[in-house]
């Protein structure tokens, strides 16, 4: 099994901006933090990406498109370290996949 993503997981945009997720559920905890599901969108801060020559185009959101196939939380796929997502600019231009650095391996139901 691949490690799951939680509100405590460290995720960045492709340009090192920090991604913060606000979990849509709080019943399933993994190592004390709410599990993230495919419907959870991330907010990005600190992305300094620019389009040459000088147009700022920072990542502002991360949307997840593919979660777990067999593990659901409230009927929605759980996010795993291998889940597929896309960081987007304010104009919703795709900027690349998010980078998952830290995950939580243990699940605890409440």
Protein backbone atom coordinates (compact mmCIF):
# COMPACT_ATOMS: atom_id res chain seq x y z
CA UNK A 1 0.00 0.00 0.00
CA UNK A 2 1.18 3.51 -0.76
CA UNK A 3 1.34 6.12 2.02
CA UNK A 4 -1.73 8.32 2.40
CA UNK A 5 -1.91 12.12 2.35
CA UNK A 6 -3.21 14.04 5.35
CA UNK A 7 -3.61 17.65 6.35
CA UNK A 8 -0.10 17.30 7.87
CA UNK A 9 1.54 16.02 4.66
CA UNK A 10 4.17 18.22 3.06
CA UNK A 11 3.23 19.03 -0.53
CA UNK A 12 4.75 21.69 -2.80
CA UNK A 13 3.96 23.00 -6.26
CA UNK A 14 6.53 22.26 -9.01
CA UNK A 15 8.23 25.60 -8.18
CA UNK A 16 8.57 24.99 -4.40
CA UNK A 17 5.46 26.91 -3.26
CA UNK A 18 3.89 25.42 -0.12
CA UNK A 19 0.53 23.67 -0.56
CA UNK A 20 -2.01 23.77 2.28
CA UNK A 21 -5.08 21.53 2.20
CA UNK A 22 -8.31 22.11 4.09
CA UNK A 23 -9.72 18.59 4.58
CA UNK A 24 -13.38 18.15 3.66
CA UNK A 25 -13.81 15.36 6.23
CA UNK A 26 -12.69 14.83 9.81
CA UNK A 27 -13.87 11.29 10.65
CA UNK A 28 -10.86 9.38 9.31
CA UNK A 29 -7.57 10.29 10.97
CA UNK A 30 -4.14 9.13 9.95
CA UNK A 31 -1.50 9.63 12.65
CA UNK A 32 -3.86 12.18 14.24
CA UNK A 33 -4.47 14.29 11.10
CA UNK A 34 -7.55 14.23 8.85
CA UNK A 35 -7.07 12.12 5.72
CA UNK A 36 -7.22 13.98 2.41
CA UNK A 37 -9.57 12.87 -0.35
CA UNK A 38 -9.62 13.52 -4.08
CA UNK A 39 -12.17 16.34 -3.69
CA UNK A 40 -9.85 18.34 -1.40
CA UNK A 41 -8.25 21.29 -3.16
CA UNK A 42 -4.94 22.75 -2.02
CA UNK A 43 -3.98 26.43 -1.79
CA UNK A 44 -0.46 27.43 -2.81
CA UNK A 45 1.62 30.22 -1.25
CA UNK A 46 5.15 31.25 -2.06
CA UNK A 47 5.31 30.18 -5.71
CA UNK A 48 7.61 32.52 -7.62
CA UNK A 49 7.09 31.09 -11.13
CA UNK A 50 7.20 33.60 -13.97
CA UNK A 51 6.58 33.24 -17.68
CA UNK A 52 9.51 34.62 -19.67
CA UNK A 53 10.43 37.35 -19.89
CA UNK A 54 8.81 38.78 -16.72
CA UNK A 55 5.10 37.88 -16.35
CA UNK A 56 4.37 36.48 -12.88
CA UNK A 57 2.34 33.26 -13.07
CA UNK A 58 2.44 31.69 -9.61
CA UNK A 59 0.68 28.45 -8.78
CA UNK A 60 -2.37 29.26 -6.64
CA UNK A 61 -4.26 25.96 -6.39
CA UNK A 62 -3.72 22.22 -6.60
CA UNK A 63 -6.55 20.02 -7.85
CA UNK A 64 -6.34 16.26 -7.55
CA UNK A 65 -7.62 14.20 -10.47
CA UNK A 66 -6.77 10.61 -9.49
CA UNK A 67 -6.90 9.18 -5.99
CA UNK A 68 -6.85 5.67 -4.59
CA UNK A 69 -8.69 3.02 -6.57
CA UNK A 70 -9.69 0.76 -3.66
CA UNK A 71 -9.67 2.97 -0.57
CA UNK A 72 -12.55 5.40 -0.08
CA UNK A 73 -13.31 7.88 2.68
CA UNK A 74 -17.00 8.71 2.73
CA UNK A 75 -17.29 7.38 -0.82
CA UNK A 76 -14.49 9.60 -2.16
CA UNK A 77 -11.04 8.22 -3.14
CA UNK A 78 -8.30 8.68 -0.53
CA UNK A 79 -5.25 10.65 -1.70
CA UNK A 80 -1.99 8.71 -1.80
CA UNK A 81 1.62 9.70 -2.38
CA UNK A 82 1.11 8.39 -5.93
CA UNK A 83 -2.11 10.33 -6.60
CA UNK A 84 -2.24 12.56 -9.66
CA UNK A 85 -2.81 16.28 -9.29
CA UNK A 86 -2.17 19.52 -11.13
CA UNK A 87 -1.07 22.92 -9.90
CA UNK A 88 -2.83 25.84 -11.60
CA UNK A 89 -2.19 29.55 -12.06
CA UNK A 90 -4.80 32.23 -11.22
CA UNK A 91 -5.95 31.92 -14.86
CA UNK A 92 -6.29 28.14 -14.31
CA UNK A 93 -3.35 27.42 -16.64
CA UNK A 94 -1.77 24.06 -15.77
CA UNK A 95 1.65 24.51 -14.17
CA UNK A 96 2.70 20.92 -13.45
CA UNK A 97 2.21 18.18 -10.87
CA UNK A 98 2.47 18.75 -7.12
CA UNK A 99 5.41 17.18 -5.28
CA UNK A 100 4.63 15.07 -2.20
CA UNK A 101 7.48 15.06 0.35
CA UNK A 102 5.93 13.71 3.55
CA UNK A 103 3.01 11.32 4.09
CA UNK A 104 1.45 9.34 6.94
CA UNK A 105 1.36 5.52 6.79
CA UNK A 106 -1.14 4.59 9.55
CA UNK A 107 -4.96 4.90 9.37
CA UNK A 108 -7.25 5.25 12.38
CA UNK A 109 -11.06 5.40 11.96
CA UNK A 110 -13.28 7.42 14.30
